[in-house]
Amino acid sequence: MMEKNFMTVDDVAEELSVSKSKAYKIVRQLNKELEEKGIITVAGRVCTSYFRKKVMYSGD
């Protein structure tokens, strides 16, 4: 199965085993960082590769 380019809040909550409200905070923080770099973001979604880089996650 091909990995998605973007993760939803639900995906983030599941990946990190956190509440949905905590996942929203994480997504907002990551999107803010991307916007400061001049990258267009979508509310409620975060780039999967950026998410994995920031949380230093290596999925198997």
C-alpha atoms as a PDB file:
ATOM      1  CA  MET A   1       0.000   0.000   0.000  1.00  0.00           C
ATOM      2  CA  MET A   2       1.317   3.419  -0.959  1.00  0.00           C
ATOM      3  CA  GLU A   3       1.945   5.898   1.834  1.00  0.00           C
ATOM      4  CA  LYS A   4      -0.272   8.982   1.834  1.00  0.00           C
ATOM      5  CA  ASN A   5       1.323  12.386   1.232  1.00  0.00           C
ATOM      6  CA  PHE A   6      -0.702  13.979   4.027  1.00  0.00           C
ATOM      7  CA  MET A   7      -1.832  12.826   7.449  1.00  0.00           C
ATOM      8  CA  THR A   8      -5.100  13.866   9.035  1.00  0.00           C
ATOM      9  CA  VAL A   9      -5.546  14.735  12.695  1.00  0.00           C
ATOM     10  CA  ASP A  10      -6.982  11.251  13.218  1.00  0.00           C
ATOM     11  CA  ASP A  11      -3.864   9.711  11.639  1.00  0.00           C
ATOM     12  CA  VAL A  12      -1.578  11.769  13.902  1.00  0.00           C
ATOM     13  CA  ALA A  13      -3.593  10.849  17.003  1.00  0.00           C
ATOM     14  CA  GLU A  14      -3.378   7.166  16.115  1.00  0.00           C
ATOM     15  CA  GLU A  15       0.337   7.234  15.236  1.00  0.00           C
ATOM     16  CA  LEU A  16       1.312   8.960  18.480  1.00  0.00           C
ATOM     17  CA  SER A  17      -1.370   7.412  20.713  1.00  0.00           C
ATOM     18  CA  VAL A  18      -2.573  10.833  21.825  1.00  0.00           C
ATOM     19  CA  SER A  19      -5.971  12.488  22.097  1.00  0.00           C
ATOM     20  CA  LYS A  20      -7.514  14.187  19.100  1.00  0.00           C
ATOM     21  CA  SER A  21      -7.132  17.608  20.753  1.00  0.00           C
ATOM     22  CA  LYS A  22      -3.403  16.998  21.282  1.00  0.00           C
ATOM     23  CA  ALA A  23      -3.113  15.865  17.659  1.00  0.00           C
ATOM     24  CA  TYR A  24      -4.752  19.137  16.525  1.00  0.00           C
ATOM     25  CA  LYS A  25      -2.133  21.091  18.494  1.00  0.00           C
ATOM     26  CA  ILE A  26       0.673  19.091  16.904  1.00  0.00           C
ATOM     27  CA  VAL A  27      -0.720  19.554  13.384  1.00  0.00           C
ATOM     28  CA  ARG A  28      -1.141  23.311  13.954  1.00  0.00           C
ATOM     29  CA  GLN A  29       2.428  23.593  15.253  1.00  0.00           C
ATOM     30  CA  LEU A  30       3.899  21.666  12.324  1.00  0.00           C
ATOM     31  CA  ASN A  31       1.840  23.626   9.795  1.00  0.00           C
ATOM     32  CA  LYS A  32       2.947  26.903  11.382  1.00  0.00           C
ATOM     33  CA  GLU A  33       6.584  25.845  10.954  1.00  0.00           C
ATOM     34  CA  LEU A  34       5.933  24.977   7.307  1.00  0.00           C
ATOM     35  CA  GLU A  35       4.137  28.290   6.678  1.00  0.00           C
ATOM     36  CA  GLU A  36       7.112  30.178   8.123  1.00  0.00           C
ATOM     37  CA  LYS A  37       9.215  28.456   5.451  1.00  0.00           C
ATOM     38  CA  GLY A  38       6.811  29.692   2.781  1.00  0.00           C
ATOM     39  CA  ILE A  39       5.111  26.343   2.227  1.00  0.00           C
ATOM     40  CA  ILE A  40       1.360  26.198   1.646  1.00  0.00           C
ATOM     41  CA  THR A  41      -0.478  24.075   4.214  1.00  0.00           C
ATOM     42  CA  VAL A  42      -3.956  22.616   4.611  1.00  0.00           C
ATOM     43  CA  ALA A  43      -5.752  22.987   7.944  1.00  0.00           C
ATOM     44  CA  GLY A  44      -6.203  19.685   9.743  1.00  0.00           C
ATOM     45  CA  ARG A  45      -3.570  17.915   7.637  1.00  0.00           C
ATOM     46  CA  VAL A  46       0.196  17.740   7.738  1.00  0.00           C
ATOM     47  CA  CYS A  47       2.768  16.512   5.244  1.00  0.00           C
ATOM     48  CA  THR A  48       3.599  12.909   6.163  1.00  0.00           C
ATOM     49  CA  SER A  49       7.321  13.225   5.454  1.00  0.00           C
ATOM     50  CA  TYR A  50       7.588  16.403   7.552  1.00  0.00           C
ATOM     51  CA  PHE A  51       5.637  14.774  10.394  1.00  0.00           C
ATOM     52  CA  ARG A  52       7.930  11.743  10.375  1.00  0.00           C
ATOM     53  CA  LYS A  53      11.043  13.952  10.266  1.00  0.00           C
ATOM     54  CA  LYS A  54       9.890  16.087  13.197  1.00  0.00           C
ATOM     55  CA  VAL A  55       8.875  13.196  15.447  1.00  0.00           C
ATOM     56  CA  MET A  56      11.932  11.162  14.342  1.00  0.00           C
ATOM     57  CA  TYR A  57       9.654   8.273  13.510  1.00  0.00           C
ATOM     58  CA  SER A  58      10.776   5.294  11.509  1.00  0.00           C
ATOM     59  CA  GLY A  59       7.806   3.146  10.588  1.00  0.00           C
ATOM     60  CA  ASP A  60       8.388  -0.491   9.720  1.00  0.00           C
END
